[in-house]
Amino acid sequence: MTLRPQPKRRPLRDPKYLSWIRTMSCRATASHDHVEAHHVPQRGQGAVGRKCSDRRAVPLTAEMHREYHAIGRDAFEQRYGVSFEREIIELNRIYDALISQPKVSKPRKVRQITPHIQSVLIRCSCGKPHTIPTSKLVPQKNEYRYWCQTLKGYVLAKFRRSA
């Protein structure tokens, strides 16, 4: 019986995930300045010169990233009260939910709600009020949807008809 060498398992590469990670705040300091994607190997899986899967990356500022490598994983987690395993699970859950949403087609032009209203003020689910031109509202049954730049997605807006 001859043994064949098994091909090396290559780690999963996901550039879109890494780009998304870099838009997040640092998990240690909550800062948005110079955020990098830090790859966290599973315990016992780290090998010199080998990166783990991109889906095991967490956002850290450049300064925190250097500190992590200087003091080690256990000391870093204890110092900043971070559990990288929990963070990885949570980040993957959020990302999977974002990418599994159906792609929304380009919004079509909507007729004016009422001809004299040019825009509406909407309190968005992102927590910010938005002034939306009525030409940017997309009808959907008894509701309208609009693009929220903060959430980077469409949000439903419900309007009551005044008598």
N, C-alpha and C. Protein backbone atom coordinates (compact mmCIF):
# COMPACT_ATOMS: atom_id res chain seq x y z
N MET A 1 0.85 -1.18 0.00
CA MET A 1 0.00 0.00 0.00
C MET A 1 0.90 1.24 0.00
N THR A 2 0.65 2.11 -0.96
CA THR A 2 1.45 3.33 -1.05
C THR A 2 0.64 4.49 -0.52
N LEU A 3 1.28 5.33 0.19
CA LEU A 3 0.63 6.52 0.74
C LEU A 3 0.90 7.70 -0.18
N ARG A 4 -0.14 8.35 -0.53
CA ARG A 4 0.01 9.55 -1.35
C ARG A 4 0.05 10.77 -0.44
N PRO A 5 0.90 11.72 -0.77
CA PRO A 5 0.91 12.93 0.07
C PRO A 5 -0.39 13.70 -0.10
N GLN A 6 -0.92 14.14 1.00
CA GLN A 6 -2.15 14.93 0.97
C GLN A 6 -1.81 16.37 0.58
N PRO A 7 -2.63 16.97 -0.28
CA PRO A 7 -2.35 18.38 -0.62
C PRO A 7 -2.55 19.26 0.61
N LYS A 8 -1.76 20.30 0.67
CA LYS A 8 -1.89 21.23 1.80
C LYS A 8 -3.24 21.92 1.74
N ARG A 9 -3.86 22.03 2.89
CA ARG A 9 -5.13 22.77 2.95
C ARG A 9 -4.78 24.24 3.00
N ARG A 10 -5.31 24.96 2.05
CA ARG A 10 -5.06 26.39 2.01
C ARG A 10 -6.13 27.11 2.82
N PRO A 11 -5.73 28.14 3.55
CA PRO A 11 -6.74 28.88 4.32
C PRO A 11 -7.67 29.66 3.40
N LEU A 12 -8.88 29.85 3.85
CA LEU A 12 -9.89 30.58 3.09
C LEU A 12 -9.46 32.04 2.95
N ARG A 13 -9.50 32.57 1.74
CA ARG A 13 -9.21 33.97 1.48
C ARG A 13 -10.49 34.67 1.09
N ASP A 14 -10.77 35.79 1.73
CA ASP A 14 -11.99 36.53 1.47
C ASP A 14 -11.68 38.03 1.54
N PRO A 15 -11.24 38.63 0.42
CA PRO A 15 -10.86 40.05 0.44
C PRO A 15 -12.00 40.98 0.81
N LYS A 16 -13.24 40.62 0.46
CA LYS A 16 -14.38 41.47 0.82
C LYS A 16 -14.58 41.49 2.33
N TYR A 17 -14.39 40.34 2.97
CA TYR A 17 -14.50 40.27 4.43
C TYR A 17 -13.43 41.15 5.08
N LEU A 18 -12.20 41.06 4.57
CA LEU A 18 -11.12 41.88 5.14
C LEU A 18 -11.40 43.37 4.96
N SER A 19 -11.94 43.75 3.81
CA SER A 19 -12.30 45.16 3.58
C SER A 19 -13.37 45.60 4.58
N TRP A 20 -14.34 44.73 4.81
CA TRP A 20 -15.41 45.04 5.76
C TRP A 20 -14.84 45.17 7.17
N ILE A 21 -13.92 44.27 7.54
CA ILE A 21 -13.30 44.31 8.87
C ILE A 21 -12.59 45.65 9.08
N ARG A 22 -11.92 46.14 8.04
CA ARG A 22 -11.17 47.41 8.18
C ARG A 22 -12.07 48.62 8.34
N THR A 23 -13.38 48.48 8.08
CA THR A 23 -14.30 49.60 8.28
C THR A 23 -14.83 49.63 9.71
N MET A 24 -14.57 48.59 10.48
CA MET A 24 -15.09 48.48 11.84
C MET A 24 -14.17 49.20 12.83
N SER A 25 -14.63 49.34 14.06
CA SER A 25 -13.79 49.93 15.09
C SER A 25 -12.93 48.85 15.75
N CYS A 26 -11.83 49.27 16.32
CA CYS A 26 -10.91 48.36 17.00
C CYS A 26 -11.63 47.67 18.15
N ARG A 27 -11.44 46.37 18.29
CA ARG A 27 -12.10 45.60 19.35
C ARG A 27 -11.49 45.86 20.72
N ALA A 28 -10.30 46.44 20.78
CA ALA A 28 -9.67 46.72 22.07
C ALA A 28 -9.94 48.15 22.54
N THR A 29 -9.92 49.12 21.61
CA THR A 29 -10.01 50.52 22.01
C THR A 29 -11.22 51.25 21.45
N ALA A 30 -11.97 50.63 20.55
CA ALA A 30 -13.14 51.22 19.88
C ALA A 30 -12.77 52.41 18.99
N SER A 31 -11.51 52.52 18.64
CA SER A 31 -11.05 53.60 17.76
C SER A 31 -11.23 53.19 16.30
N HIS A 32 -11.44 54.18 15.43
CA HIS A 32 -11.56 53.93 13.99
C HIS A 32 -10.28 54.32 13.25
N ASP A 33 -9.25 54.77 13.96
CA ASP A 33 -8.03 55.25 13.32
C ASP A 33 -7.09 54.10 12.96
N HIS A 34 -6.71 54.03 11.70
CA HIS A 34 -5.72 53.07 11.21
C HIS A 34 -6.06 51.63 11.61
N VAL A 35 -7.26 51.19 11.29
CA VAL A 35 -7.69 49.84 11.65
C VAL A 35 -7.12 48.84 10.66
N GLU A 36 -6.58 47.76 11.20
CA GLU A 36 -6.03 46.67 10.40
C GLU A 36 -6.80 45.39 10.69
N ALA A 37 -6.73 44.45 9.77
CA ALA A 37 -7.35 43.14 9.99
C ALA A 37 -6.29 42.22 10.59
N HIS A 38 -6.49 41.85 11.86
CA HIS A 38 -5.55 40.97 12.54
C HIS A 38 -6.07 39.54 12.46
N HIS A 39 -5.26 38.62 11.91
CA HIS A 39 -5.64 37.22 11.79
C HIS A 39 -5.33 36.51 13.11
N VAL A 40 -6.34 35.89 13.70
CA VAL A 40 -6.20 35.20 14.98
C VAL A 40 -6.22 33.70 14.74
N PRO A 41 -5.07 33.03 14.85
CA PRO A 41 -5.08 31.58 14.64
C PRO A 41 -5.79 30.86 15.78
N GLN A 42 -6.34 29.69 15.47
CA GLN A 42 -6.93 28.89 16.54
C GLN A 42 -5.81 28.43 17.46
N ARG A 43 -6.15 28.21 18.71
CA ARG A 43 -5.12 27.78 19.66
C ARG A 43 -4.50 26.47 19.18
N GLY A 44 -3.18 26.44 19.14
CA GLY A 44 -2.47 25.25 18.70
C GLY A 44 -2.33 25.13 17.20
N GLN A 45 -2.92 26.04 16.44
CA GLN A 45 -2.87 25.97 14.99
C GLN A 45 -1.89 26.96 14.37
N GLY A 46 -1.33 27.84 15.16
CA GLY A 46 -0.46 28.87 14.62
C GLY A 46 0.88 28.29 14.18
N ALA A 47 1.27 28.57 12.97
CA ALA A 47 2.57 28.13 12.47
C ALA A 47 3.29 29.37 11.94
N VAL A 48 4.57 29.42 12.14
CA VAL A 48 5.34 30.58 11.70
C VAL A 48 5.25 30.70 10.19
N GLY A 49 4.92 31.89 9.71
CA GLY A 49 4.87 32.14 8.29
C GLY A 49 3.57 31.71 7.62
N ARG A 50 2.61 31.20 8.37
CA ARG A 50 1.34 30.78 7.79
C ARG A 50 0.21 31.56 8.42
N LYS A 51 -0.64 32.10 7.56
CA LYS A 51 -1.81 32.85 8.03
C LYS A 51 -3.00 31.91 8.11
N CYS A 52 -3.87 32.19 9.04
CA CYS A 52 -5.10 31.41 9.12
C CYS A 52 -6.14 32.02 8.17
N SER A 53 -7.32 31.48 8.18
CA SER A 53 -8.39 31.94 7.31
C SER A 53 -8.69 33.42 7.53
N ASP A 54 -9.07 34.10 6.44
CA ASP A 54 -9.45 35.51 6.56
C ASP A 54 -10.68 35.68 7.44
N ARG A 55 -11.51 34.66 7.53
CA ARG A 55 -12.71 34.76 8.36
C ARG A 55 -12.39 34.69 9.85
N ARG A 56 -11.11 34.55 10.20
CA ARG A 56 -10.68 34.60 11.60
C ARG A 56 -9.95 35.91 11.88
N ALA A 57 -10.28 36.95 11.11
CA ALA A 57 -9.65 38.26 11.30
C ALA A 57 -10.56 39.14 12.17
N VAL A 58 -9.94 39.96 13.00
CA VAL A 58 -10.66 40.92 13.83
C VAL A 58 -10.03 42.29 13.63
N PRO A 59 -10.82 43.37 13.80
CA PRO A 59 -10.26 44.71 13.63
C PRO A 59 -9.47 45.17 14.85
N LEU A 60 -8.23 45.58 14.61
CA LEU A 60 -7.38 46.19 15.64
C LEU A 60 -6.68 47.39 15.02
N THR A 61 -6.48 48.44 15.82
CA THR A 61 -5.69 49.56 15.32
C THR A 61 -4.25 49.09 15.13
N ALA A 62 -3.50 49.82 14.35
CA ALA A 62 -2.11 49.44 14.08
C ALA A 62 -1.32 49.31 15.38
N GLU A 63 -1.57 50.25 16.31
CA GLU A 63 -0.86 50.23 17.59
C GLU A 63 -1.22 48.98 18.41
N MET A 64 -2.51 48.66 18.47
CA MET A 64 -2.95 47.48 19.21
C MET A 64 -2.45 46.19 18.55
N HIS A 65 -2.40 46.20 17.22
CA HIS A 65 -1.91 45.03 16.48
C HIS A 65 -0.45 44.74 16.86
N ARG A 66 0.36 45.80 16.92
CA ARG A 66 1.77 45.62 17.31
C ARG A 66 1.87 45.14 18.76
N GLU A 67 1.04 45.72 19.63
CA GLU A 67 1.07 45.32 21.04
C GLU A 67 0.69 43.85 21.19
N TYR A 68 -0.32 43.41 20.42
CA TYR A 68 -0.73 42.00 20.47
C TYR A 68 0.46 41.09 20.19
N HIS A 69 1.22 41.41 19.13
CA HIS A 69 2.35 40.56 18.77
C HIS A 69 3.49 40.68 19.78
N ALA A 70 3.56 41.81 20.49
CA ALA A 70 4.63 41.99 21.47
C ALA A 70 4.36 41.22 22.76
N ILE A 71 3.09 41.20 23.22
CA ILE A 71 2.80 40.59 24.53
C ILE A 71 2.12 39.22 24.42
N GLY A 72 1.58 38.87 23.26
CA GLY A 72 0.94 37.56 23.11
C GLY A 72 -0.56 37.63 23.31
N ARG A 73 -1.21 36.58 22.84
CA ARG A 73 -2.68 36.53 22.85
C ARG A 73 -3.28 36.55 24.25
N ASP A 74 -2.81 35.68 25.13
CA ASP A 74 -3.41 35.58 26.47
C ASP A 74 -3.29 36.89 27.25
N ALA A 75 -2.10 37.48 27.23
CA ALA A 75 -1.89 38.74 27.95
C ALA A 75 -2.75 39.85 27.35
N PHE A 76 -2.86 39.88 26.02
CA PHE A 76 -3.65 40.91 25.35
C PHE A 76 -5.13 40.76 25.71
N GLU A 77 -5.66 39.54 25.64
CA GLU A 77 -7.06 39.32 25.98
C GLU A 77 -7.35 39.71 27.41
N GLN A 78 -6.43 39.38 28.31
CA GLN A 78 -6.64 39.73 29.72
C GLN A 78 -6.55 41.24 29.94
N ARG A 79 -5.57 41.90 29.32
CA ARG A 79 -5.38 43.33 29.51
C ARG A 79 -6.58 44.14 29.01
N TYR A 80 -7.14 43.77 27.85
CA TYR A 80 -8.21 44.55 27.24
C TYR A 80 -9.60 43.92 27.39
N GLY A 81 -9.69 42.80 28.08
CA GLY A 81 -11.00 42.18 28.31
C GLY A 81 -11.67 41.72 27.03
N VAL A 82 -10.88 41.23 26.09
CA VAL A 82 -11.39 40.81 24.79
C VAL A 82 -11.28 39.29 24.68
N SER A 83 -12.31 38.65 24.16
CA SER A 83 -12.24 37.23 23.83
C SER A 83 -12.27 37.14 22.32
N PHE A 84 -11.14 36.82 21.72
CA PHE A 84 -11.07 36.79 20.27
C PHE A 84 -11.99 35.73 19.67
N GLU A 85 -12.14 34.60 20.34
CA GLU A 85 -13.03 33.56 19.81
C GLU A 85 -14.47 34.07 19.74
N ARG A 86 -14.93 34.76 20.79
CA ARG A 86 -16.29 35.32 20.77
C ARG A 86 -16.42 36.40 19.70
N GLU A 87 -15.39 37.23 19.57
CA GLU A 87 -15.41 38.30 18.56
C GLU A 87 -15.49 37.71 17.14
N ILE A 88 -14.72 36.66 16.89
CA ILE A 88 -14.72 36.03 15.56
C ILE A 88 -16.09 35.46 15.25
N ILE A 89 -16.70 34.78 16.21
CA ILE A 89 -18.04 34.21 16.01
C ILE A 89 -19.04 35.31 15.71
N GLU A 90 -19.00 36.39 16.49
CA GLU A 90 -19.95 37.49 16.31
C GLU A 90 -19.74 38.20 14.97
N LEU A 91 -18.49 38.48 14.61
CA LEU A 91 -18.21 39.15 13.34
C LEU A 91 -18.66 38.30 12.15
N ASN A 92 -18.41 36.99 12.22
CA ASN A 92 -18.84 36.11 11.14
C ASN A 92 -20.36 36.04 11.05
N ARG A 93 -21.04 36.03 12.19
CA ARG A 93 -22.51 36.00 12.19
C ARG A 93 -23.06 37.26 11.52
N ILE A 94 -22.51 38.42 11.86
CA ILE A 94 -22.97 39.69 11.27
C ILE A 94 -22.67 39.71 9.77
N TYR A 95 -21.47 39.33 9.40
CA TYR A 95 -21.08 39.36 7.99
C TYR A 95 -21.93 38.40 7.16
N ASP A 96 -22.16 37.20 7.67
CA ASP A 96 -22.99 36.23 6.95
C ASP A 96 -24.41 36.75 6.76
N ALA A 97 -24.93 37.44 7.78
CA ALA A 97 -26.27 38.03 7.66
C ALA A 97 -26.28 39.13 6.60
N LEU A 98 -25.21 39.92 6.54
CA LEU A 98 -25.14 41.00 5.55
C LEU A 98 -25.06 40.46 4.13
N ILE A 99 -24.23 39.44 3.90
CA ILE A 99 -24.06 38.95 2.53
C ILE A 99 -25.20 38.04 2.10
N SER A 100 -25.98 37.51 3.05
CA SER A 100 -27.09 36.63 2.66
C SER A 100 -28.34 37.42 2.30
N GLN A 101 -28.34 38.73 2.56
CA GLN A 101 -29.49 39.54 2.19
C GLN A 101 -29.59 39.57 0.67
N PRO A 102 -30.82 39.47 0.15
CA PRO A 102 -30.96 39.49 -1.31
C PRO A 102 -30.48 40.82 -1.87
N LYS A 103 -29.86 40.74 -3.02
CA LYS A 103 -29.39 41.95 -3.69
C LYS A 103 -30.60 42.77 -4.15
N VAL A 104 -30.55 44.05 -3.88
CA VAL A 104 -31.66 44.92 -4.24
C VAL A 104 -31.34 45.55 -5.60
N SER A 105 -32.31 45.49 -6.47
CA SER A 105 -32.10 46.07 -7.79
C SER A 105 -32.03 47.59 -7.68
N LYS A 106 -31.57 48.19 -8.73
CA LYS A 106 -31.44 49.64 -8.77
C LYS A 106 -32.81 50.28 -8.54
N PRO A 107 -32.91 51.29 -7.68
CA PRO A 107 -34.22 51.88 -7.41
C PRO A 107 -34.80 52.54 -8.65
N ARG A 108 -36.08 52.33 -8.83
CA ARG A 108 -36.73 52.99 -9.96
C ARG A 108 -37.32 54.31 -9.50
N LYS A 109 -37.57 55.17 -10.45
CA LYS A 109 -38.12 56.48 -10.12
C LYS A 109 -39.51 56.32 -9.52
N VAL A 110 -39.78 57.14 -8.54
CA VAL A 110 -41.08 57.08 -7.88
C VAL A 110 -41.84 58.37 -8.19
N ARG A 111 -43.11 58.21 -8.35
CA ARG A 111 -43.89 59.44 -8.54
C ARG A 111 -43.99 60.13 -7.19
N GLN A 112 -44.15 61.41 -7.24
CA GLN A 112 -44.18 62.20 -6.02
C GLN A 112 -45.31 61.74 -5.11
N ILE A 113 -45.03 61.72 -3.80
CA ILE A 113 -46.07 61.37 -2.83
C ILE A 113 -47.19 62.40 -2.95
N THR A 114 -46.83 63.61 -2.87
CA THR A 114 -47.71 64.72 -3.21
C THR A 114 -46.84 65.72 -3.96
N PRO A 115 -47.36 66.35 -4.99
CA PRO A 115 -46.53 67.18 -5.85
C PRO A 115 -45.81 68.33 -5.14
N HIS A 116 -46.39 68.87 -4.06
CA HIS A 116 -45.78 70.03 -3.43
C HIS A 116 -44.72 69.66 -2.39
N ILE A 117 -44.57 68.38 -2.03
CA ILE A 117 -43.56 67.97 -1.06
C ILE A 117 -42.29 67.57 -1.81
N GLN A 118 -41.18 68.24 -1.51
CA GLN A 118 -39.92 67.97 -2.18
C GLN A 118 -39.07 66.94 -1.45
N SER A 119 -39.17 66.91 -0.11
CA SER A 119 -38.37 65.97 0.68
C SER A 119 -39.10 65.67 1.98
N VAL A 120 -38.67 64.57 2.63
CA VAL A 120 -39.26 64.18 3.91
C VAL A 120 -38.13 63.96 4.91
N LEU A 121 -38.41 64.22 6.17
CA LEU A 121 -37.46 63.99 7.25
C LEU A 121 -37.81 62.65 7.87
N ILE A 122 -36.83 61.74 7.91
CA ILE A 122 -37.06 60.39 8.40
C ILE A 122 -36.09 60.10 9.53
N ARG A 123 -36.61 59.52 10.62
CA ARG A 123 -35.75 59.06 11.71
C ARG A 123 -35.39 57.62 11.35
N CYS A 124 -34.14 57.39 10.99
CA CYS A 124 -33.68 56.10 10.47
C CYS A 124 -33.35 55.13 11.61
N SER A 125 -33.31 53.84 11.27
CA SER A 125 -32.95 52.83 12.27
C SER A 125 -31.47 52.91 12.65
N CYS A 126 -30.67 53.66 11.89
CA CYS A 126 -29.26 53.85 12.27
C CYS A 126 -29.14 54.88 13.39
N GLY A 127 -30.25 55.55 13.71
CA GLY A 127 -30.25 56.52 14.80
C GLY A 127 -30.11 57.96 14.35
N LYS A 128 -29.88 58.17 13.07
CA LYS A 128 -29.70 59.53 12.56
C LYS A 128 -30.94 59.95 11.78
N PRO A 129 -31.30 61.21 11.86
CA PRO A 129 -32.38 61.69 11.00
C PRO A 129 -31.84 61.95 9.59
N HIS A 130 -32.63 61.59 8.58
CA HIS A 130 -32.23 61.82 7.20
C HIS A 130 -33.28 62.66 6.50
N THR A 131 -32.84 63.61 5.71
CA THR A 131 -33.75 64.34 4.83
C THR A 131 -33.64 63.68 3.46
N ILE A 132 -34.71 63.04 3.04
CA ILE A 132 -34.70 62.26 1.80
C ILE A 132 -35.55 62.98 0.76
N PRO A 133 -34.98 63.28 -0.41
CA PRO A 133 -35.81 63.83 -1.49
C PRO A 133 -36.85 62.78 -1.90
N THR A 134 -38.07 63.20 -2.14
CA THR A 134 -39.11 62.24 -2.49
C THR A 134 -38.79 61.51 -3.78
N SER A 135 -37.95 62.08 -4.63
CA SER A 135 -37.57 61.38 -5.86
C SER A 135 -36.68 60.17 -5.58
N LYS A 136 -36.07 60.09 -4.38
CA LYS A 136 -35.19 58.98 -4.02
C LYS A 136 -35.92 57.86 -3.28
N LEU A 137 -37.20 58.07 -2.96
CA LEU A 137 -37.98 57.04 -2.27
C LEU A 137 -38.45 56.01 -3.29
N VAL A 138 -38.36 54.74 -2.93
CA VAL A 138 -38.76 53.66 -3.82
C VAL A 138 -40.03 53.02 -3.25
N PRO A 139 -41.14 53.00 -4.01
CA PRO A 139 -42.38 52.44 -3.48
C PRO A 139 -42.28 50.93 -3.33
N GLN A 140 -42.91 50.44 -2.26
CA GLN A 140 -42.96 49.01 -2.01
C GLN A 140 -44.23 48.75 -1.22
N LYS A 141 -45.28 48.32 -1.89
CA LYS A 141 -46.61 48.11 -1.32
C LYS A 141 -47.07 49.41 -0.66
N ASN A 142 -47.38 49.38 0.65
CA ASN A 142 -47.85 50.57 1.34
C ASN A 142 -46.71 51.34 2.00
N GLU A 143 -45.50 50.99 1.68
CA GLU A 143 -44.33 51.60 2.29
C GLU A 143 -43.40 52.12 1.21
N TYR A 144 -42.37 52.80 1.64
CA TYR A 144 -41.33 53.27 0.75
C TYR A 144 -40.00 52.83 1.34
N ARG A 145 -39.03 52.63 0.50
CA ARG A 145 -37.69 52.34 1.00
C ARG A 145 -36.73 53.38 0.45
N TYR A 146 -35.66 53.56 1.19
CA TYR A 146 -34.64 54.53 0.80
C TYR A 146 -33.28 53.96 1.17
N TRP A 147 -32.24 54.49 0.54
CA TRP A 147 -30.88 54.04 0.79
C TRP A 147 -30.29 54.79 1.97
N CYS A 148 -29.85 54.07 2.99
CA CYS A 148 -29.18 54.68 4.14
C CYS A 148 -27.68 54.50 3.95
N GLN A 149 -26.95 55.61 3.85
CA GLN A 149 -25.51 55.56 3.63
C GLN A 149 -24.78 54.99 4.84
N THR A 150 -25.30 55.25 6.06
CA THR A 150 -24.66 54.75 7.27
C THR A 150 -24.75 53.23 7.35
N LEU A 151 -25.95 52.68 7.10
CA LEU A 151 -26.15 51.23 7.14
C LEU A 151 -25.73 50.55 5.86
N LYS A 152 -25.51 51.34 4.81
CA LYS A 152 -25.15 50.83 3.49
C LYS A 152 -26.16 49.80 3.00
N GLY A 153 -27.42 50.18 3.07
CA GLY A 153 -28.49 49.30 2.61
C GLY A 153 -29.81 50.04 2.56
N TYR A 154 -30.82 49.37 2.01
CA TYR A 154 -32.14 49.97 1.93
C TYR A 154 -32.89 49.79 3.25
N VAL A 155 -33.66 50.80 3.62
CA VAL A 155 -34.43 50.80 4.85
C VAL A 155 -35.87 51.14 4.50
N LEU A 156 -36.82 50.48 5.16
CA LEU A 156 -38.23 50.77 4.91
C LEU A 156 -38.66 52.00 5.69
N ALA A 157 -39.45 52.84 5.06
CA ALA A 157 -40.02 54.02 5.71
C ALA A 157 -41.52 53.96 5.54
N LYS A 158 -42.25 54.05 6.64
CA LYS A 158 -43.71 54.00 6.59
C LYS A 158 -44.25 55.42 6.76
N PHE A 159 -45.25 55.75 5.97
CA PHE A 159 -45.86 57.07 6.04
C PHE A 159 -47.34 56.90 6.29
N ARG A 160 -47.88 57.78 7.09
CA ARG A 160 -49.34 57.81 7.27
C ARG A 160 -49.88 58.88 6.34
N ARG A 161 -50.95 58.55 5.71
CA ARG A 161 -51.61 59.54 4.87
C ARG A 161 -52.42 60.45 5.77
N SER A 162 -52.21 61.74 5.62
CA SER A 162 -53.01 62.67 6.44
C SER A 162 -54.32 62.96 5.70
N ALA A 163 -55.37 63.08 6.50
CA ALA A 163 -56.71 63.27 5.91
C ALA A 163 -56.94 64.69 5.48
